[in-house]
Amino acid sequence: MPTSPAAHSIAAHWAACRKHRPPAVLRLDVAEQVQSHLAHGADPEYLRRISYWMAVEQPAWFDLSLAMRMSGAPQPEPSAAPGGRACPCRGALAAAA
């Protein structure tokens, strides 16, 4: 799946927030994860917040979906965005739909 400029921007933000910059292959992996969430209606600002949290609080993690499920992680505003699948990136309403 091609990654959008927004996905690359969020992945670059994640990389810049880390104490040690990750290799390009990890930035690309995070960009692909972000793009996957953007494709089904995630709020880009929430993805930026969760990527910051993951970089600062859990620097050994590279899995955005795992970070979204952890207690203490930022939570998105509930959204009923279209997409047809429950995902923690869209909050409680998406999971209930």
PDB file of N, CA and C in Angstrom:
ATOM      1  N   MET A   1       0.852  -1.175   0.000  1.00  0.00           N
ATOM      2  CA  MET A   1       0.000   0.000   0.000  1.00  0.00           C
ATOM      3  C   MET A   1       0.895   1.234   0.000  1.00  0.00           C
ATOM      4  N   PRO A   2       0.671   2.148  -0.928  1.00  0.00           N
ATOM      5  CA  PRO A   2       1.462   3.383  -0.923  1.00  0.00           C
ATOM      6  C   PRO A   2       1.157   4.208   0.327  1.00  0.00           C
ATOM      7  N   THR A   3       2.168   4.865   0.833  1.00  0.00           N
ATOM      8  CA  THR A   3       1.976   5.675   2.033  1.00  0.00           C
ATOM      9  C   THR A   3       1.855   7.149   1.656  1.00  0.00           C
ATOM     10  N   SER A   4       0.971   7.821   2.343  1.00  0.00           N
ATOM     11  CA  SER A   4       0.691   9.225   2.065  1.00  0.00           C
ATOM     12  C   SER A   4       1.728  10.128   2.746  1.00  0.00           C
ATOM     13  N   PRO A   5       1.786  11.382   2.312  1.00  0.00           N
ATOM     14  CA  PRO A   5       2.659  12.343   3.001  1.00  0.00           C
ATOM     15  C   PRO A   5       2.299  12.473   4.487  1.00  0.00           C
ATOM     16  N   ALA A   6       1.006  12.382   4.814  1.00  0.00           N
ATOM     17  CA  ALA A   6       0.596  12.468   6.231  1.00  0.00           C
ATOM     18  C   ALA A   6       1.182  11.308   7.027  1.00  0.00           C
ATOM     19  N   ALA A   7       1.155  10.107   6.463  1.00  0.00           N
ATOM     20  CA  ALA A   7       1.712   8.938   7.163  1.00  0.00           C
ATOM     21  C   ALA A   7       3.211   9.101   7.369  1.00  0.00           C
ATOM     22  N   HIS A   8       3.916   9.589   6.346  1.00  0.00           N
ATOM     23  CA  HIS A   8       5.362   9.809   6.487  1.00  0.00           C
ATOM     24  C   HIS A   8       5.656  10.911   7.505  1.00  0.00           C
ATOM     25  N   SER A   9       4.821  11.920   7.535  1.00  0.00           N
ATOM     26  CA  SER A   9       5.007  13.006   8.496  1.00  0.00           C
ATOM     27  C   SER A   9       4.843  12.507   9.931  1.00  0.00           C
ATOM     28  N   ILE A  10       3.844  11.679  10.172  1.00  0.00           N
ATOM     29  CA  ILE A  10       3.616  11.140  11.518  1.00  0.00           C
ATOM     30  C   ILE A  10       4.757  10.200  11.908  1.00  0.00           C
ATOM     31  N   ALA A  11       5.215   9.387  10.965  1.00  0.00           N
ATOM     32  CA  ALA A  11       6.343   8.488  11.251  1.00  0.00           C
ATOM     33  C   ALA A  11       7.613   9.296  11.532  1.00  0.00           C
ATOM     34  N   ALA A  12       7.825  10.384  10.815  1.00  0.00           N
ATOM     35  CA  ALA A  12       8.986  11.244  11.067  1.00  0.00           C
ATOM     36  C   ALA A  12       8.883  11.891  12.444  1.00  0.00           C
ATOM     37  N   HIS A  13       7.668  12.273  12.826  1.00  0.00           N
ATOM     38  CA  HIS A  13       7.429  12.841  14.164  1.00  0.00           C
ATOM     39  C   HIS A  13       7.785  11.801  15.231  1.00  0.00           C
ATOM     40  N   TRP A  14       7.341  10.559  15.040  1.00  0.00           N
ATOM     41  CA  TRP A  14       7.669   9.470  15.962  1.00  0.00           C
ATOM     42  C   TRP A  14       9.182   9.323  16.080  1.00  0.00           C
ATOM     43  N   ALA A  15       9.864   9.302  14.943  1.00  0.00           N
ATOM     44  CA  ALA A  15      11.315   9.110  14.946  1.00  0.00           C
ATOM     45  C   ALA A  15      12.030  10.274  15.640  1.00  0.00           C
ATOM     46  N   ALA A  16      11.562  11.482  15.402  1.00  0.00           N
ATOM     47  CA  ALA A  16      12.200  12.658  15.992  1.00  0.00           C
ATOM     48  C   ALA A  16      12.012  12.724  17.505  1.00  0.00           C
ATOM     49  N   CYS A  17      10.937  12.136  18.012  1.00  0.00           N
ATOM     50  CA  CYS A  17      10.651  12.181  19.451  1.00  0.00           C
ATOM     51  C   CYS A  17      11.452  11.143  20.243  1.00  0.00           C
ATOM     52  N   ARG A  18      12.018  10.188  19.557  1.00  0.00           N
ATOM     53  CA  ARG A  18      12.785   9.141  20.241  1.00  0.00           C
ATOM     54  C   ARG A  18      14.158   9.664  20.656  1.00  0.00           C
ATOM     55  N   LYS A  19      14.687   9.091  21.736  1.00  0.00           N
ATOM     56  CA  LYS A  19      16.015   9.491  22.215  1.00  0.00           C
ATOM     57  C   LYS A  19      17.079   9.132  21.169  1.00  0.00           C
ATOM     58  N   HIS A  20      16.930   7.969  20.546  1.00  0.00           N
ATOM     59  CA  HIS A  20      17.853   7.512  19.502  1.00  0.00           C
ATOM     60  C   HIS A  20      17.051   7.329  18.220  1.00  0.00           C
ATOM     61  N   ARG A  21      17.483   7.959  17.156  1.00  0.00           N
ATOM     62  CA  ARG A  21      16.745   7.868  15.889  1.00  0.00           C
ATOM     63  C   ARG A  21      16.772   6.433  15.367  1.00  0.00           C
ATOM     64  N   PRO A  22      15.622   5.938  14.962  1.00  0.00           N
ATOM     65  CA  PRO A  22      15.550   4.574  14.444  1.00  0.00           C
ATOM     66  C   PRO A  22      16.016   4.510  12.988  1.00  0.00           C
ATOM     67  N   PRO A  23      16.368   3.307  12.528  1.00  0.00           N
ATOM     68  CA  PRO A  23      16.745   3.161  11.123  1.00  0.00           C
ATOM     69  C   PRO A  23      15.558   3.467  10.200  1.00  0.00           C
ATOM     70  N   ALA A  24      15.870   3.783   8.966  1.00  0.00           N
ATOM     71  CA  ALA A  24      14.838   4.136   7.983  1.00  0.00           C
ATOM     72  C   ALA A  24      13.809   3.031   7.813  1.00  0.00           C
ATOM     73  N   VAL A  25      14.233   1.790   7.906  1.00  0.00           N
ATOM     74  CA  VAL A  25      13.290   0.683   7.721  1.00  0.00           C
ATOM     75  C   VAL A  25      12.205   0.696   8.805  1.00  0.00           C
ATOM     76  N   LEU A  26      12.546   1.086  10.031  1.00  0.00           N
ATOM     77  CA  LEU A  26      11.540   1.177  11.090  1.00  0.00           C
ATOM     78  C   LEU A  26      10.631   2.373  10.879  1.00  0.00           C
ATOM     79  N   ARG A  27      11.170   3.482  10.393  1.00  0.00           N
ATOM     80  CA  ARG A  27      10.318   4.636  10.081  1.00  0.00           C
ATOM     81  C   ARG A  27       9.324   4.279   8.986  1.00  0.00           C
ATOM     82  N   LEU A  28       9.775   3.529   7.988  1.00  0.00           N
ATOM     83  CA  LEU A  28       8.871   3.110   6.920  1.00  0.00           C
ATOM     84  C   LEU A  28       7.797   2.171   7.455  1.00  0.00           C
ATOM     85  N   ASP A  29       8.174   1.270   8.359  1.00  0.00           N
ATOM     86  CA  ASP A  29       7.193   0.353   8.950  1.00  0.00           C
ATOM     87  C   ASP A  29       6.134   1.132   9.728  1.00  0.00           C
ATOM     88  N   VAL A  30       6.549   2.109  10.512  1.00  0.00           N
ATOM     89  CA  VAL A  30       5.594   2.929  11.262  1.00  0.00           C
ATOM     90  C   VAL A  30       4.720   3.720  10.287  1.00  0.00           C
ATOM     91  N   ALA A  31       5.294   4.242   9.221  1.00  0.00           N
ATOM     92  CA  ALA A  31       4.499   4.972   8.219  1.00  0.00           C
ATOM     93  C   ALA A  31       3.442   4.065   7.603  1.00  0.00           C
ATOM     94  N   GLU A  32       3.786   2.804   7.339  1.00  0.00           N
ATOM     95  CA  GLU A  32       2.812   1.863   6.781  1.00  0.00           C
ATOM     96  C   GLU A  32       1.711   1.552   7.788  1.00  0.00           C
ATOM     97  N   GLN A  33       2.061   1.429   9.067  1.00  0.00           N
ATOM     98  CA  GLN A  33       1.047   1.211  10.098  1.00  0.00           C
ATOM     99  C   GLN A  33       0.107   2.413  10.182  1.00  0.00           C
ATOM    100  N   VAL A  34       0.678   3.608  10.155  1.00  0.00           N
ATOM    101  CA  VAL A  34      -0.127   4.835  10.194  1.00  0.00           C
ATOM    102  C   VAL A  34      -1.061   4.874   8.992  1.00  0.00           C
ATOM    103  N   GLN A  35      -0.535   4.565   7.809  1.00  0.00           N
ATOM    104  CA  GLN A  35      -1.353   4.591   6.600  1.00  0.00           C
ATOM    105  C   GLN A  35      -2.518   3.620   6.703  1.00  0.00           C
ATOM    106  N   SER A  36      -2.272   2.476   7.282  1.00  0.00           N
ATOM    107  CA  SER A  36      -3.340   1.491   7.472  1.00  0.00           C
ATOM    108  C   SER A  36      -4.463   2.069   8.330  1.00  0.00           C
ATOM    109  N   HIS A  37      -4.110   2.771   9.384  1.00  0.00           N
ATOM    110  CA  HIS A  37      -5.125   3.382  10.252  1.00  0.00           C
ATOM    111  C   HIS A  37      -5.807   4.564   9.561  1.00  0.00           C
ATOM    112  N   LEU A  38      -5.051   5.364   8.824  1.00  0.00           N
ATOM    113  CA  LEU A  38      -5.651   6.477   8.089  1.00  0.00           C
ATOM    114  C   LEU A  38      -6.662   5.967   7.060  1.00  0.00           C
ATOM    115  N   ALA A  39      -6.359   4.832   6.457  1.00  0.00           N
ATOM    116  CA  ALA A  39      -7.223   4.277   5.416  1.00  0.00           C
ATOM    117  C   ALA A  39      -8.598   3.893   5.941  1.00  0.00           C
ATOM    118  N   HIS A  40      -8.706   3.603   7.226  1.00  0.00           N
ATOM    119  CA  HIS A  40     -10.032   3.261   7.755  1.00  0.00           C
ATOM    120  C   HIS A  40     -10.579   4.306   8.721  1.00  0.00           C
ATOM    121  N   GLY A  41     -10.126   5.536   8.584  1.00  0.00           N
ATOM    122  CA  GLY A  41     -10.791   6.639   9.249  1.00  0.00           C
ATOM    123  C   GLY A  41     -10.179   7.173  10.522  1.00  0.00           C
ATOM    124  N   ALA A  42      -8.930   6.838  10.818  1.00  0.00           N
ATOM    125  CA  ALA A  42      -8.303   7.359  12.039  1.00  0.00           C
ATOM    126  C   ALA A  42      -8.061   8.865  11.921  1.00  0.00           C
ATOM    127  N   ASP A  43      -8.103   9.536  13.050  1.00  0.00           N
ATOM    128  CA  ASP A  43      -7.809  10.964  13.123  1.00  0.00           C
ATOM    129  C   ASP A  43      -6.284  11.144  13.074  1.00  0.00           C
ATOM    130  N   PRO A  44      -5.756  11.862  12.101  1.00  0.00           N
ATOM    131  CA  PRO A  44      -4.303  12.046  12.025  1.00  0.00           C
ATOM    132  C   PRO A  44      -3.702  12.665  13.289  1.00  0.00           C
ATOM    133  N   GLU A  45      -4.441  13.567  13.931  1.00  0.00           N
ATOM    134  CA  GLU A  45      -3.914  14.186  15.148  1.00  0.00           C
ATOM    135  C   GLU A  45      -3.788  13.151  16.273  1.00  0.00           C
ATOM    136  N   TYR A  46      -4.745  12.235  16.357  1.00  0.00           N
ATOM    137  CA  TYR A  46      -4.630  11.161  17.355  1.00  0.00           C
ATOM    138  C   TYR A  46      -3.414  10.284  17.045  1.00  0.00           C
ATOM    139  N   LEU A  47      -3.201   9.951  15.788  1.00  0.00           N
ATOM    140  CA  LEU A  47      -2.049   9.123  15.428  1.00  0.00           C
ATOM    141  C   LEU A  47      -0.748   9.831  15.782  1.00  0.00           C
ATOM    142  N   ARG A  48      -0.718  11.140  15.641  1.00  0.00           N
ATOM    143  CA  ARG A  48       0.470  11.907  16.040  1.00  0.00           C
ATOM    144  C   ARG A  48       0.667  11.830  17.557  1.00  0.00           C
ATOM    145  N   ARG A  49      -0.428  11.959  18.321  1.00  0.00           N
ATOM    146  CA  ARG A  49      -0.322  11.881  19.796  1.00  0.00           C
ATOM    147  C   ARG A  49       0.123  10.490  20.253  1.00  0.00           C
ATOM    148  N   ILE A  50      -0.456   9.447  19.670  1.00  0.00           N
ATOM    149  CA  ILE A  50      -0.096   8.087  20.109  1.00  0.00           C
ATOM    150  C   ILE A  50       1.330   7.750  19.680  1.00  0.00           C
ATOM    151  N   SER A  51       1.772   8.257  18.539  1.00  0.00           N
ATOM    152  CA  SER A  51       3.154   7.993  18.118  1.00  0.00           C
ATOM    153  C   SER A  51       4.138   8.702  19.053  1.00  0.00           C
ATOM    154  N   TYR A  52       3.791   9.910  19.509  1.00  0.00           N
ATOM    155  CA  TYR A  52       4.632  10.610  20.473  1.00  0.00           C
ATOM    156  C   TYR A  52       4.703   9.813  21.776  1.00  0.00           C
ATOM    157  N   TRP A  53       3.539   9.363  22.256  1.00  0.00           N
ATOM    158  CA  TRP A  53       3.496   8.589  23.495  1.00  0.00           C
ATOM    159  C   TRP A  53       4.341   7.332  23.363  1.00  0.00           C
ATOM    160  N   MET A  54       4.206   6.639  22.241  1.00  0.00           N
ATOM    161  CA  MET A  54       4.964   5.411  22.033  1.00  0.00           C
ATOM    162  C   MET A  54       6.465   5.708  22.014  1.00  0.00           C
ATOM    163  N   ALA A  55       6.873   6.797  21.384  1.00  0.00           N
ATOM    164  CA  ALA A  55       8.294   7.141  21.296  1.00  0.00           C
ATOM    165  C   ALA A  55       8.883   7.488  22.656  1.00  0.00           C
ATOM    166  N   VAL A  56       8.114   8.201  23.475  1.00  0.00           N
ATOM    167  CA  VAL A  56       8.630   8.692  24.755  1.00  0.00           C
ATOM    168  C   VAL A  56       8.449   7.674  25.881  1.00  0.00           C
ATOM    169  N   GLU A  57       7.261   7.110  25.974  1.00  0.00           N
ATOM    170  CA  GLU A  57       6.946   6.212  27.090  1.00  0.00           C
ATOM    171  C   GLU A  57       7.358   4.754  26.857  1.00  0.00           C
ATOM    172  N   GLN A  58       7.337   4.316  25.614  1.00  0.00           N
ATOM    173  CA  GLN A  58       7.654   2.926  25.291  1.00  0.00           C
ATOM    174  C   GLN A  58       8.609   2.885  24.092  1.00  0.00           C
ATOM    175  N   PRO A  59       9.815   3.369  24.239  1.00  0.00           N
ATOM    176  CA  PRO A  59      10.708   3.501  23.084  1.00  0.00           C
ATOM    177  C   PRO A  59      11.124   2.183  22.434  1.00  0.00           C
ATOM    178  N   ALA A  60      10.942   1.075  23.103  1.00  0.00           N
ATOM    179  CA  ALA A  60      11.292  -0.219  22.499  1.00  0.00           C
ATOM    180  C   ALA A  60      10.160  -0.775  21.637  1.00  0.00           C
ATOM    181  N   TRP A  61       9.010  -0.116  21.628  1.00  0.00           N
ATOM    182  CA  TRP A  61       7.865  -0.589  20.847  1.00  0.00           C
ATOM    183  C   TRP A  61       7.890   0.009  19.452  1.00  0.00           C
ATOM    184  N   PHE A  62       7.429  -0.824  18.511  1.00  0.00           N
ATOM    185  CA  PHE A  62       7.322  -0.377  17.128  1.00  0.00           C
ATOM    186  C   PHE A  62       5.952  -0.735  16.556  1.00  0.00           C
ATOM    187  N   ASP A  63       5.010  -1.098  17.430  1.00  0.00           N
ATOM    188  CA  ASP A  63       3.679  -1.537  17.000  1.00  0.00           C
ATOM    189  C   ASP A  63       2.634  -0.527  17.470  1.00  0.00           C
ATOM    190  N   LEU A  64       2.131   0.245  16.544  1.00  0.00           N
ATOM    191  CA  LEU A  64       1.169   1.298  16.854  1.00  0.00           C
ATOM    192  C   LEU A  64      -0.130   0.738  17.431  1.00  0.00           C
ATOM    193  N   SER A  65      -0.612  -0.373  16.880  1.00  0.00           N
ATOM    194  CA  SER A  65      -1.865  -0.963  17.363  1.00  0.00           C
ATOM    195  C   SER A  65      -1.730  -1.448  18.803  1.00  0.00           C
ATOM    196  N   LEU A  66      -0.586  -2.014  19.141  1.00  0.00           N
ATOM    197  CA  LEU A  66      -0.337  -2.443  20.519  1.00  0.00           C
ATOM    198  C   LEU A  66      -0.341  -1.230  21.445  1.00  0.00           C
ATOM    199  N   ALA A  67       0.320  -0.171  21.040  1.00  0.00           N
ATOM    200  CA  ALA A  67       0.381   1.036  21.871  1.00  0.00           C
ATOM    201  C   ALA A  67      -1.011   1.586  22.137  1.00  0.00           C
ATOM    202  N   MET A  68      -1.898   1.531  21.147  1.00  0.00           N
ATOM    203  CA  MET A  68      -3.253   2.055  21.307  1.00  0.00           C
ATOM    204  C   MET A  68      -4.050   1.295  22.360  1.00  0.00           C
ATOM    205  N   ARG A  69      -3.701   0.048  22.583  1.00  0.00           N
ATOM    206  CA  ARG A  69      -4.455  -0.801  23.512  1.00  0.00           C
ATOM    207  C   ARG A  69      -3.931  -0.758  24.946  1.00  0.00           C
ATOM    208  N   MET A  70      -2.814  -0.116  25.173  1.00  0.00           N
ATOM    209  CA  MET A  70      -2.195  -0.126  26.490  1.00  0.00           C
ATOM    210  C   MET A  70      -2.824   0.912  27.420  1.00  0.00           C
ATOM    211  N   SER A  71      -2.945   0.518  28.698  1.00  0.00           N
ATOM    212  CA  SER A  71      -3.464   1.481  29.668  1.00  0.00           C
ATOM    213  C   SER A  71      -2.435   2.597  29.804  1.00  0.00           C
ATOM    214  N   GLY A  72      -2.902   3.793  29.976  1.00  0.00           N
ATOM    215  CA  GLY A  72      -2.026   4.940  30.070  1.00  0.00           C
ATOM    216  C   GLY A  72      -1.758   5.602  28.730  1.00  0.00           C
ATOM    217  N   ALA A  73      -2.097   4.927  27.648  1.00  0.00           N
ATOM    218  CA  ALA A  73      -1.904   5.512  26.318  1.00  0.00           C
ATOM    219  C   ALA A  73      -2.985   6.554  26.054  1.00  0.00           C
ATOM    220  N   PRO A  74      -2.678   7.558  25.267  1.00  0.00           N
ATOM    221  CA  PRO A  74      -3.713   8.524  24.891  1.00  0.00           C
ATOM    222  C   PRO A  74      -4.858   7.813  24.181  1.00  0.00           C
ATOM    223  N   GLN A  75      -6.056   8.294  24.403  1.00  0.00           N
ATOM    224  CA  GLN A  75      -7.234   7.700  23.765  1.00  0.00           C
ATOM    225  C   GLN A  75      -7.815   8.695  22.766  1.00  0.00           C
ATOM    226  N   PRO A  76      -8.345   8.182  21.664  1.00  0.00           N
ATOM    227  CA  PRO A  76      -8.935   9.087  20.670  1.00  0.00           C
ATOM    228  C   PRO A  76     -10.322   9.540  21.102  1.00  0.00           C
ATOM    229  N   GLU A  77     -10.770  10.606  20.492  1.00  0.00           N
ATOM    230  CA  GLU A  77     -12.167  10.986  20.651  1.00  0.00           C
ATOM    231  C   GLU A  77     -12.984   9.913  19.936  1.00  0.00           C
ATOM    232  N   PRO A  78     -14.047   9.419  20.559  1.00  0.00           N
ATOM    233  CA  PRO A  78     -14.861   8.393  19.877  1.00  0.00           C
ATOM    234  C   PRO A  78     -15.356   8.900  18.532  1.00  0.00           C
ATOM    235  N   SER A  79     -15.269   8.032  17.544  1.00  0.00           N
ATOM    236  CA  SER A  79     -15.636   8.413  16.189  1.00  0.00           C
ATOM    237  C   SER A  79     -16.418   7.294  15.528  1.00  0.00           C
ATOM    238  N   ALA A  80     -17.396   7.664  14.783  1.00  0.00           N
ATOM    239  CA  ALA A  80     -18.148   6.685  14.004  1.00  0.00           C
ATOM    240  C   ALA A  80     -17.714   6.793  12.543  1.00  0.00           C
ATOM    241  N   ALA A  81     -16.440   7.019  12.315  1.00  0.00           N
ATOM    242  CA  ALA A  81     -15.927   7.164  10.953  1.00  0.00           C
ATOM    243  C   ALA A  81     -16.196   5.900  10.154  1.00  0.00           C
ATOM    244  N   PRO A  82     -16.463   6.049   8.883  1.00  0.00           N
ATOM    245  CA  PRO A  82     -16.700   4.859   8.065  1.00  0.00           C
ATOM    246  C   PRO A  82     -15.451   4.001   7.992  1.00  0.00           C
ATOM    247  N   GLY A  83     -15.625   2.772   7.734  1.00  0.00           N
ATOM    248  CA  GLY A  83     -14.475   1.883   7.620  1.00  0.00           C
ATOM    249  C   GLY A  83     -14.867   0.445   7.823  1.00  0.00           C
ATOM    250  N   GLY A  84     -15.949   0.209   8.540  1.00  0.00           N
ATOM    251  CA  GLY A  84     -16.475  -1.140   8.668  1.00  0.00           C
ATOM    252  C   GLY A  84     -15.734  -2.071   9.601  1.00  0.00           C
ATOM    253  N   ARG A  85     -14.756  -1.585  10.341  1.00  0.00           N
ATOM    254  CA  ARG A  85     -14.097  -2.481  11.289  1.00  0.00           C
ATOM    255  C   ARG A  85     -13.785  -1.744  12.577  1.00  0.00           C
ATOM    256  N   ALA A  86     -13.902  -2.460  13.663  1.00  0.00           N
ATOM    257  CA  ALA A  86     -13.600  -1.861  14.965  1.00  0.00           C
ATOM    258  C   ALA A  86     -12.084  -1.731  15.098  1.00  0.00           C
ATOM    259  N   CYS A  87     -11.650  -0.609  15.609  1.00  0.00           N
ATOM    260  CA  CYS A  87     -10.223  -0.378  15.793  1.00  0.00           C
ATOM    261  C   CYS A  87     -10.051   0.632  16.913  1.00  0.00           C
ATOM    262  N   PRO A  88      -9.064   0.428  17.787  1.00  0.00           N
ATOM    263  CA  PRO A  88      -8.867   1.375  18.880  1.00  0.00           C
ATOM    264  C   PRO A  88      -8.475   2.772  18.405  1.00  0.00           C
ATOM    265  N   CYS A  89      -8.078   2.929  17.159  1.00  0.00           N
ATOM    266  CA  CYS A  89      -7.713   4.260  16.669  1.00  0.00           C
ATOM    267  C   CYS A  89      -8.943   5.139  16.491  1.00  0.00           C
ATOM    268  N   ARG A  90     -10.138   4.563  16.524  1.00  0.00           N
ATOM    269  CA  ARG A  90     -11.355   5.359  16.327  1.00  0.00           C
ATOM    270  C   ARG A  90     -12.208   5.444  17.598  1.00  0.00           C
ATOM    271  N   GLY A  91     -11.746   4.889  18.678  1.00  0.00           N
ATOM    272  CA  GLY A  91     -12.429   5.038  19.954  1.00  0.00           C
ATOM    273  C   GLY A  91     -13.587   4.087  20.173  1.00  0.00           C
ATOM    274  N   ALA A  92     -14.319   4.361  21.249  1.00  0.00           N
ATOM    275  CA  ALA A  92     -15.349   3.448  21.739  1.00  0.00           C
ATOM    276  C   ALA A  92     -16.506   3.244  20.766  1.00  0.00           C
ATOM    277  N   LEU A  93     -16.947   4.290  20.066  1.00  0.00           N
ATOM    278  CA  LEU A  93     -18.067   4.131  19.159  1.00  0.00           C
ATOM    279  C   LEU A  93     -17.748   3.197  18.015  1.00  0.00           C
ATOM    280  N   ALA A  94     -16.519   3.246  17.542  1.00  0.00           N
ATOM    281  CA  ALA A  94     -16.118   2.373  16.446  1.00  0.00           C
ATOM    282  C   ALA A  94     -16.111   0.921  16.894  1.00  0.00           C
ATOM    283  N   ALA A  95     -15.704   0.689  18.149  1.00  0.00           N
ATOM    284  CA  ALA A  95     -15.648  -0.672  18.648  1.00  0.00           C
ATOM    285  C   ALA A  95     -17.062  -1.208  18.882  1.00  0.00           C
ATOM    286  N   ALA A  96     -18.005  -0.321  19.200  1.00  0.00           N
ATOM    287  CA  ALA A  96     -19.376  -0.761  19.469  1.00  0.00           C
ATOM    288  C   ALA A  96     -20.181  -0.955  18.188  1.00  0.00           C
ATOM    289  N   ALA A  97     -19.734  -0.353  17.093  1.00  0.00           N
ATOM    290  CA  ALA A  97     -20.473  -0.423  15.827  1.00  0.00           C
ATOM    291  C   ALA A  97     -20.437  -1.793  15.196  1.00  0.00           C
TER     292      ALA A  97
END
